[in-house]
Amino acid sequence: MVFSTLGLSLLIFFVVYTQGHVTGREFSPSHFKSRSFTFYEIPLLHIQITPIRRKSAALAAASYVRQSALINAPKGEPDDWHLVHLSRGLSGATPADAQLLVDQLEMYGDKDTFWRKWSIDHPKHAAVVWPIVQRLATRELYVLIPMVMELAHKEMPVEELSAEIDGLLQRQYRQLIIDMRAAKRGELAQTLLLEALSDYPNDAELNKLRSDAPTPSESIE
């Protein structure tokens, strides 16, 4: 009986140790900071059984952007963290939306992270791009960030870059709103519309979408 209990205990320990280990990474759009975390849970039930241990995971490009005041980073520590990726047990990491930005920040060029060097070499362009990236990340619109970075990668005057990004985001916002309405996700569509109008209050098509907004009964999620 003692050996059976011991064997069962060892089996439970082995299962929890191998399958209950959770690791992940988070990103704070307000401060452009990243951190990793780890804890143990009961497998399948996802019941946490150890405290969460967190550790800073610096990103050179993000640190440069923050320290150079290219974004508006509040004083103090971040309150809002977005999941980058999560891994449970022996399974590989499952990416979340914030991975789209972190991948960009970690992209390497010649002996340096690409976007850190780009920001140093193109300070006026960087002053346009990074506040927009921060705004999109804060709104959890990470899906739009690679398109913005692709435009930034092109050689063009800063005024043209600003206009190209504005045009891109206006088109993308309009399409997202239409798609969310079609999917009966009226509340999300309305949030996107209000965010878009706060950035582009004179956009005629966005204002038309506001006037064409469905009634609450038509947009039940």
C-alpha atoms as a PDB file:
ATOM      1  CA  MET A   1       0.000   0.000   0.000  1.00  0.00           C
ATOM      2  CA  VAL A   2       2.829   2.389   0.924  1.00  0.00           C
ATOM      3  CA  PHE A   3       4.608   1.667  -2.363  1.00  0.00           C
ATOM      4  CA  SER A   4       1.355   2.142  -4.284  1.00  0.00           C
ATOM      5  CA  THR A   5       0.747   5.514  -2.629  1.00  0.00           C
ATOM      6  CA  LEU A   6       4.354   6.533  -3.252  1.00  0.00           C
ATOM      7  CA  GLY A   7       4.115   5.444  -6.867  1.00  0.00           C
ATOM      8  CA  LEU A   8       0.894   7.381  -7.352  1.00  0.00           C
ATOM      9  CA  SER A   9       2.435  10.455  -5.756  1.00  0.00           C
ATOM     10  CA  LEU A  10       5.475  10.228  -8.021  1.00  0.00           C
ATOM     11  CA  LEU A  11       3.220   9.816 -11.049  1.00  0.00           C
ATOM     12  CA  ILE A  12       1.164  12.882 -10.103  1.00  0.00           C
ATOM     13  CA  PHE A  13       4.365  14.855  -9.502  1.00  0.00           C
ATOM     14  CA  PHE A  14       5.734  13.805 -12.894  1.00  0.00           C
ATOM     15  CA  VAL A  15       2.523  14.723 -14.718  1.00  0.00           C
ATOM     16  CA  VAL A  16       2.289  18.124 -13.023  1.00  0.00           C
ATOM     17  CA  TYR A  17       6.008  18.794 -13.547  1.00  0.00           C
ATOM     18  CA  THR A  18       5.915  18.001 -17.256  1.00  0.00           C
ATOM     19  CA  GLN A  19       2.371  18.899 -18.280  1.00  0.00           C
ATOM     20  CA  GLY A  20       1.450  21.508 -15.683  1.00  0.00           C
ATOM     21  CA  HIS A  21       4.310  23.917 -16.367  1.00  0.00           C
ATOM     22  CA  VAL A  22       2.961  27.125 -17.907  1.00  0.00           C
ATOM     23  CA  THR A  23       5.218  29.748 -19.444  1.00  0.00           C
ATOM     24  CA  GLY A  24       4.470  32.844 -21.411  1.00  0.00           C
ATOM     25  CA  ARG A  25       5.291  36.396 -22.295  1.00  0.00           C
ATOM     26  CA  GLU A  26       3.444  39.700 -21.996  1.00  0.00           C
ATOM     27  CA  PHE A  27       3.820  43.157 -23.526  1.00  0.00           C
ATOM     28  CA  SER A  28       2.780  46.510 -22.119  1.00  0.00           C
ATOM     29  CA  PRO A  29       1.758  48.977 -24.855  1.00  0.00           C
ATOM     30  CA  SER A  30       1.766  51.918 -22.440  1.00  0.00           C
ATOM     31  CA  HIS A  31       5.457  51.518 -21.543  1.00  0.00           C
ATOM     32  CA  PHE A  32       6.751  49.330 -24.403  1.00  0.00           C
ATOM     33  CA  LYS A  33       8.012  46.814 -21.864  1.00  0.00           C
ATOM     34  CA  SER A  34       8.022  43.028 -22.037  1.00  0.00           C
ATOM     35  CA  ARG A  35       8.137  40.358 -19.334  1.00  0.00           C
ATOM     36  CA  SER A  36       8.066  36.584 -19.121  1.00  0.00           C
ATOM     37  CA  PHE A  37       6.088  34.577 -16.589  1.00  0.00           C
ATOM     38  CA  THR A  38       5.893  31.021 -15.338  1.00  0.00           C
ATOM     39  CA  PHE A  39       3.765  28.980 -12.928  1.00  0.00           C
ATOM     40  CA  TYR A  40       2.438  25.457 -12.404  1.00  0.00           C
ATOM     41  CA  GLU A  41      -1.147  24.308 -12.725  1.00  0.00           C
ATOM     42  CA  ILE A  42      -3.121  21.086 -12.555  1.00  0.00           C
ATOM     43  CA  PRO A  43      -3.144  19.805 -16.150  1.00  0.00           C
ATOM     44  CA  LEU A  44      -6.483  19.791 -18.002  1.00  0.00           C
ATOM     45  CA  LEU A  45      -8.243  21.556 -15.124  1.00  0.00           C
ATOM     46  CA  HIS A  46      -6.016  24.659 -15.499  1.00  0.00           C
ATOM     47  CA  ILE A  47      -6.080  25.283 -11.749  1.00  0.00           C
ATOM     48  CA  GLN A  48      -3.036  27.326 -10.712  1.00  0.00           C
ATOM     49  CA  ILE A  49      -1.092  25.727  -7.842  1.00  0.00           C
ATOM     50  CA  THR A  50       2.003  27.940  -7.565  1.00  0.00           C
ATOM     51  CA  PRO A  51       2.502  31.700  -7.520  1.00  0.00           C
ATOM     52  CA  ILE A  52       3.269  33.414 -10.821  1.00  0.00           C
ATOM     53  CA  ARG A  53       6.941  34.289 -11.231  1.00  0.00           C
ATOM     54  CA  ARG A  54       7.625  37.205 -13.564  1.00  0.00           C
ATOM     55  CA  LYS A  55      10.888  38.443 -15.066  1.00  0.00           C
ATOM     56  CA  SER A  56      11.651  41.436 -17.252  1.00  0.00           C
ATOM     57  CA  ALA A  57      12.421  40.531 -20.874  1.00  0.00           C
ATOM     58  CA  ALA A  58      13.964  43.617 -22.424  1.00  0.00           C
ATOM     59  CA  LEU A  59      13.505  44.457 -26.094  1.00  0.00           C
ATOM     60  CA  ALA A  60      16.285  46.677 -27.437  1.00  0.00           C
ATOM     61  CA  ALA A  61      14.092  48.431 -29.998  1.00  0.00           C
ATOM     62  CA  ALA A  62      11.284  48.991 -27.484  1.00  0.00           C
ATOM     63  CA  SER A  63      13.736  50.342 -24.901  1.00  0.00           C
ATOM     64  CA  TYR A  64      15.131  52.808 -27.423  1.00  0.00           C
ATOM     65  CA  VAL A  65      11.656  53.971 -28.430  1.00  0.00           C
ATOM     66  CA  ARG A  66      10.675  54.509 -24.786  1.00  0.00           C
ATOM     67  CA  GLN A  67      13.938  56.160 -23.691  1.00  0.00           C
ATOM     68  CA  SER A  68      13.917  58.456 -26.718  1.00  0.00           C
ATOM     69  CA  ALA A  69      10.405  59.658 -25.854  1.00  0.00           C
ATOM     70  CA  LEU A  70       9.040  58.453 -29.191  1.00  0.00           C
ATOM     71  CA  ILE A  71       5.973  57.230 -27.305  1.00  0.00           C
ATOM     72  CA  ASN A  72       4.006  58.649 -24.415  1.00  0.00           C
ATOM     73  CA  ALA A  73       5.046  56.400 -21.526  1.00  0.00           C
ATOM     74  CA  PRO A  74       3.414  57.276 -18.178  1.00  0.00           C
ATOM     75  CA  LYS A  75       5.441  57.335 -14.992  1.00  0.00           C
ATOM     76  CA  GLY A  76       5.384  54.281 -12.760  1.00  0.00           C
ATOM     77  CA  GLU A  77       4.900  50.663 -13.661  1.00  0.00           C
ATOM     78  CA  PRO A  78       2.491  49.397 -16.323  1.00  0.00           C
ATOM     79  CA  ASP A  79      -1.020  48.380 -15.344  1.00  0.00           C
ATOM     80  CA  ASP A  80      -2.041  46.850 -18.655  1.00  0.00           C
ATOM     81  CA  TRP A  81      -0.303  43.794 -20.116  1.00  0.00           C
ATOM     82  CA  HIS A  82      -1.216  41.951 -23.304  1.00  0.00           C
ATOM     83  CA  LEU A  83      -0.406  38.302 -23.869  1.00  0.00           C
ATOM     84  CA  VAL A  84       2.310  37.646 -26.455  1.00  0.00           C
ATOM     85  CA  HIS A  85       2.387  33.861 -26.282  1.00  0.00           C
ATOM     86  CA  LEU A  86       1.543  31.021 -23.911  1.00  0.00           C
ATOM     87  CA  SER A  87       2.900  27.495 -23.587  1.00  0.00           C
ATOM     88  CA  ARG A  88       1.478  24.647 -21.503  1.00  0.00           C
ATOM     89  CA  GLY A  89       3.416  21.509 -20.689  1.00  0.00           C
ATOM     90  CA  LEU A  90       5.367  20.070 -23.588  1.00  0.00           C
ATOM     91  CA  SER A  91       3.274  21.825 -26.208  1.00  0.00           C
ATOM     92  CA  GLY A  92       4.783  24.617 -28.233  1.00  0.00           C
ATOM     93  CA  ALA A  93       4.016  28.261 -27.654  1.00  0.00           C
ATOM     94  CA  THR A  94       0.635  29.513 -28.854  1.00  0.00           C
ATOM     95  CA  PRO A  95       0.983  33.079 -30.155  1.00  0.00           C
ATOM     96  CA  ALA A  96      -1.448  35.853 -29.265  1.00  0.00           C
ATOM     97  CA  ASP A  97      -2.031  39.098 -31.159  1.00  0.00           C
ATOM     98  CA  ALA A  98       0.739  41.040 -29.407  1.00  0.00           C
ATOM     99  CA  GLN A  99       3.236  38.627 -30.969  1.00  0.00           C
ATOM    100  CA  LEU A 100       2.763  40.597 -34.210  1.00  0.00           C
ATOM    101  CA  LEU A 101       4.401  43.651 -32.644  1.00  0.00           C
ATOM    102  CA  VAL A 102       7.031  41.783 -30.628  1.00  0.00           C
ATOM    103  CA  ASP A 103       8.166  39.992 -33.793  1.00  0.00           C
ATOM    104  CA  GLN A 104       8.775  43.386 -35.369  1.00  0.00           C
ATOM    105  CA  LEU A 105      10.644  44.691 -32.325  1.00  0.00           C
ATOM    106  CA  GLU A 106      12.878  41.621 -32.268  1.00  0.00           C
ATOM    107  CA  MET A 107      13.649  41.672 -35.989  1.00  0.00           C
ATOM    108  CA  TYR A 108      17.381  41.940 -36.574  1.00  0.00           C
ATOM    109  CA  GLY A 109      19.195  43.827 -39.279  1.00  0.00           C
ATOM    110  CA  ASP A 110      22.949  44.308 -39.556  1.00  0.00           C
ATOM    111  CA  LYS A 111      24.362  43.825 -36.022  1.00  0.00           C
ATOM    112  CA  ASP A 112      21.388  45.575 -34.412  1.00  0.00           C
ATOM    113  CA  THR A 113      17.649  45.225 -34.082  1.00  0.00           C
ATOM    114  CA  PHE A 114      16.223  46.574 -37.318  1.00  0.00           C
ATOM    115  CA  TRP A 115      13.718  49.056 -35.889  1.00  0.00           C
ATOM    116  CA  ARG A 116      16.141  50.467 -33.323  1.00  0.00           C
ATOM    117  CA  LYS A 117      18.643  51.291 -36.060  1.00  0.00           C
ATOM    118  CA  TRP A 118      15.873  52.544 -38.344  1.00  0.00           C
ATOM    119  CA  SER A 119      14.627  54.868 -35.606  1.00  0.00           C
ATOM    120  CA  ILE A 120      18.135  56.232 -35.062  1.00  0.00           C
ATOM    121  CA  ASP A 121      18.667  56.759 -38.795  1.00  0.00           C
ATOM    122  CA  HIS A 122      15.172  58.188 -39.447  1.00  0.00           C
ATOM    123  CA  PRO A 123      14.227  60.250 -36.353  1.00  0.00           C
ATOM    124  CA  LYS A 124      11.495  62.273 -38.073  1.00  0.00           C
ATOM    125  CA  HIS A 125       9.891  59.163 -39.526  1.00  0.00           C
ATOM    126  CA  ALA A 126      10.151  57.422 -36.153  1.00  0.00           C
ATOM    127  CA  ALA A 127       8.348  60.334 -34.501  1.00  0.00           C
ATOM    128  CA  VAL A 128       5.407  59.655 -36.823  1.00  0.00           C
ATOM    129  CA  VAL A 129       5.378  55.860 -36.731  1.00  0.00           C
ATOM    130  CA  TRP A 130       5.834  54.913 -33.075  1.00  0.00           C
ATOM    131  CA  PRO A 131       2.955  56.937 -31.567  1.00  0.00           C
ATOM    132  CA  ILE A 132       0.648  55.321 -34.126  1.00  0.00           C
ATOM    133  CA  VAL A 133       2.003  51.866 -33.300  1.00  0.00           C
ATOM    134  CA  GLN A 134       1.486  52.535 -29.594  1.00  0.00           C
ATOM    135  CA  ARG A 135      -2.084  53.701 -30.196  1.00  0.00           C
ATOM    136  CA  LEU A 136      -2.917  50.589 -32.197  1.00  0.00           C
ATOM    137  CA  ALA A 137      -1.314  48.328 -29.577  1.00  0.00           C
ATOM    138  CA  THR A 138      -3.216  50.027 -26.758  1.00  0.00           C
ATOM    139  CA  ARG A 139      -6.441  49.333 -28.659  1.00  0.00           C
ATOM    140  CA  GLU A 140      -5.263  45.735 -29.234  1.00  0.00           C
ATOM    141  CA  LEU A 141      -5.332  46.285 -32.994  1.00  0.00           C
ATOM    142  CA  TYR A 142      -2.043  44.438 -33.428  1.00  0.00           C
ATOM    143  CA  VAL A 143      -3.252  43.002 -36.721  1.00  0.00           C
ATOM    144  CA  LEU A 144      -2.811  46.436 -38.322  1.00  0.00           C
ATOM    145  CA  ILE A 145       0.746  47.023 -37.088  1.00  0.00           C
ATOM    146  CA  PRO A 146       2.663  44.924 -39.666  1.00  0.00           C
ATOM    147  CA  MET A 147       1.014  46.942 -42.457  1.00  0.00           C
ATOM    148  CA  VAL A 148       2.109  50.193 -40.813  1.00  0.00           C
ATOM    149  CA  MET A 149       5.658  48.885 -40.395  1.00  0.00           C
ATOM    150  CA  GLU A 150       5.726  47.782 -44.018  1.00  0.00           C
ATOM    151  CA  LEU A 151       4.961  51.343 -45.095  1.00  0.00           C
ATOM    152  CA  ALA A 152       7.590  52.698 -42.714  1.00  0.00           C
ATOM    153  CA  HIS A 153      10.148  50.391 -44.311  1.00  0.00           C
ATOM    154  CA  LYS A 154       9.688  52.100 -47.668  1.00  0.00           C
ATOM    155  CA  GLU A 155      11.815  55.086 -48.572  1.00  0.00           C
ATOM    156  CA  MET A 156       9.567  58.152 -48.748  1.00  0.00           C
ATOM    157  CA  PRO A 157       9.422  61.678 -47.311  1.00  0.00           C
ATOM    158  CA  VAL A 158       8.000  61.901 -43.814  1.00  0.00           C
ATOM    159  CA  GLU A 159       4.936  63.865 -44.962  1.00  0.00           C
ATOM    160  CA  GLU A 160       4.137  61.209 -47.546  1.00  0.00           C
ATOM    161  CA  LEU A 161       4.631  58.445 -44.986  1.00  0.00           C
ATOM    162  CA  SER A 162       2.205  60.129 -42.592  1.00  0.00           C
ATOM    163  CA  ALA A 163      -0.400  60.482 -45.338  1.00  0.00           C
ATOM    164  CA  GLU A 164       0.070  56.878 -46.488  1.00  0.00           C
ATOM    165  CA  ILE A 165      -0.378  55.546 -42.949  1.00  0.00           C
ATOM    166  CA  ASP A 166      -3.488  57.662 -42.411  1.00  0.00           C
ATOM    167  CA  GLY A 167      -4.995  56.413 -45.666  1.00  0.00           C
ATOM    168  CA  LEU A 168      -4.180  52.811 -44.787  1.00  0.00           C
ATOM    169  CA  LEU A 169      -5.728  53.026 -41.326  1.00  0.00           C
ATOM    170  CA  GLN A 170      -8.846  54.799 -42.544  1.00  0.00           C
ATOM    171  CA  ARG A 171      -9.426  52.019 -45.082  1.00  0.00           C
ATOM    172  CA  GLN A 172      -8.693  49.278 -42.568  1.00  0.00           C
ATOM    173  CA  TYR A 173     -10.954  50.783 -39.910  1.00  0.00           C
ATOM    174  CA  ARG A 174     -13.814  51.086 -42.386  1.00  0.00           C
ATOM    175  CA  GLN A 175     -13.433  47.465 -43.466  1.00  0.00           C
ATOM    176  CA  LEU A 176     -13.169  46.188 -39.896  1.00  0.00           C
ATOM    177  CA  ILE A 177     -16.341  48.036 -38.921  1.00  0.00           C
ATOM    178  CA  ILE A 178     -18.227  46.633 -41.910  1.00  0.00           C
ATOM    179  CA  ASP A 179     -16.946  43.125 -41.150  1.00  0.00           C
ATOM    180  CA  MET A 180     -17.910  43.324 -37.475  1.00  0.00           C
ATOM    181  CA  ARG A 181     -21.395  44.515 -38.349  1.00  0.00           C
ATOM    182  CA  ALA A 182     -21.784  41.678 -40.837  1.00  0.00           C
ATOM    183  CA  ALA A 183     -20.733  39.248 -38.090  1.00  0.00           C
ATOM    184  CA  LYS A 184     -23.396  40.718 -35.739  1.00  0.00           C
ATOM    185  CA  ARG A 185     -20.728  42.113 -33.428  1.00  0.00           C
ATOM    186  CA  GLY A 186     -22.308  45.517 -33.157  1.00  0.00           C
ATOM    187  CA  GLU A 187     -20.686  46.555 -29.879  1.00  0.00           C
ATOM    188  CA  LEU A 188     -17.187  45.898 -31.197  1.00  0.00           C
ATOM    189  CA  ALA A 189     -18.043  47.656 -34.466  1.00  0.00           C
ATOM    190  CA  GLN A 190     -19.212  50.701 -32.509  1.00  0.00           C
ATOM    191  CA  THR A 191     -16.018  50.749 -30.445  1.00  0.00           C
ATOM    192  CA  LEU A 192     -13.921  50.617 -33.608  1.00  0.00           C
ATOM    193  CA  LEU A 193     -16.008  53.378 -35.177  1.00  0.00           C
ATOM    194  CA  LEU A 194     -15.573  55.686 -32.188  1.00  0.00           C
ATOM    195  CA  GLU A 195     -11.826  55.036 -32.121  1.00  0.00           C
ATOM    196  CA  ALA A 196     -11.531  55.692 -35.839  1.00  0.00           C
ATOM    197  CA  LEU A 197     -13.533  58.914 -35.622  1.00  0.00           C
ATOM    198  CA  SER A 198     -11.374  60.141 -32.741  1.00  0.00           C
ATOM    199  CA  ASP A 199      -8.383  59.866 -35.106  1.00  0.00           C
ATOM    200  CA  TYR A 200     -10.102  60.887 -38.342  1.00  0.00           C
ATOM    201  CA  PRO A 201     -13.161  62.990 -37.471  1.00  0.00           C
ATOM    202  CA  ASN A 202     -13.415  64.415 -41.006  1.00  0.00           C
ATOM    203  CA  ASP A 203     -13.389  61.111 -42.854  1.00  0.00           C
ATOM    204  CA  ALA A 204     -16.582  61.168 -44.904  1.00  0.00           C
ATOM    205  CA  GLU A 205     -16.938  57.398 -45.172  1.00  0.00           C
ATOM    206  CA  LEU A 206     -16.466  56.878 -41.445  1.00  0.00           C
ATOM    207  CA  ASN A 207     -19.112  59.517 -40.761  1.00  0.00           C
ATOM    208  CA  LYS A 208     -21.416  57.750 -43.196  1.00  0.00           C
ATOM    209  CA  LEU A 209     -20.879  54.523 -41.256  1.00  0.00           C
ATOM    210  CA  ARG A 210     -21.888  56.393 -38.114  1.00  0.00           C
ATOM    211  CA  SER A 211     -25.082  57.642 -39.726  1.00  0.00           C
ATOM    212  CA  ASP A 212     -25.780  54.149 -41.085  1.00  0.00           C
ATOM    213  CA  ALA A 213     -25.204  52.462 -37.725  1.00  0.00           C
ATOM    214  CA  PRO A 214     -27.780  49.721 -37.031  1.00  0.00           C
ATOM    215  CA  THR A 215     -30.180  50.055 -34.145  1.00  0.00           C
ATOM    216  CA  PRO A 216     -29.440  47.982 -30.997  1.00  0.00           C
ATOM    217  CA  SER A 217     -32.009  45.393 -32.025  1.00  0.00           C
ATOM    218  CA  GLU A 218     -30.264  44.988 -35.374  1.00  0.00           C
ATOM    219  CA  SER A 219     -26.802  44.517 -33.892  1.00  0.00           C
ATOM    220  CA  ILE A 220     -27.436  41.921 -31.182  1.00  0.00           C
ATOM    221  CA  GLU A 221     -24.277  39.881 -30.739  1.00  0.00           C
END
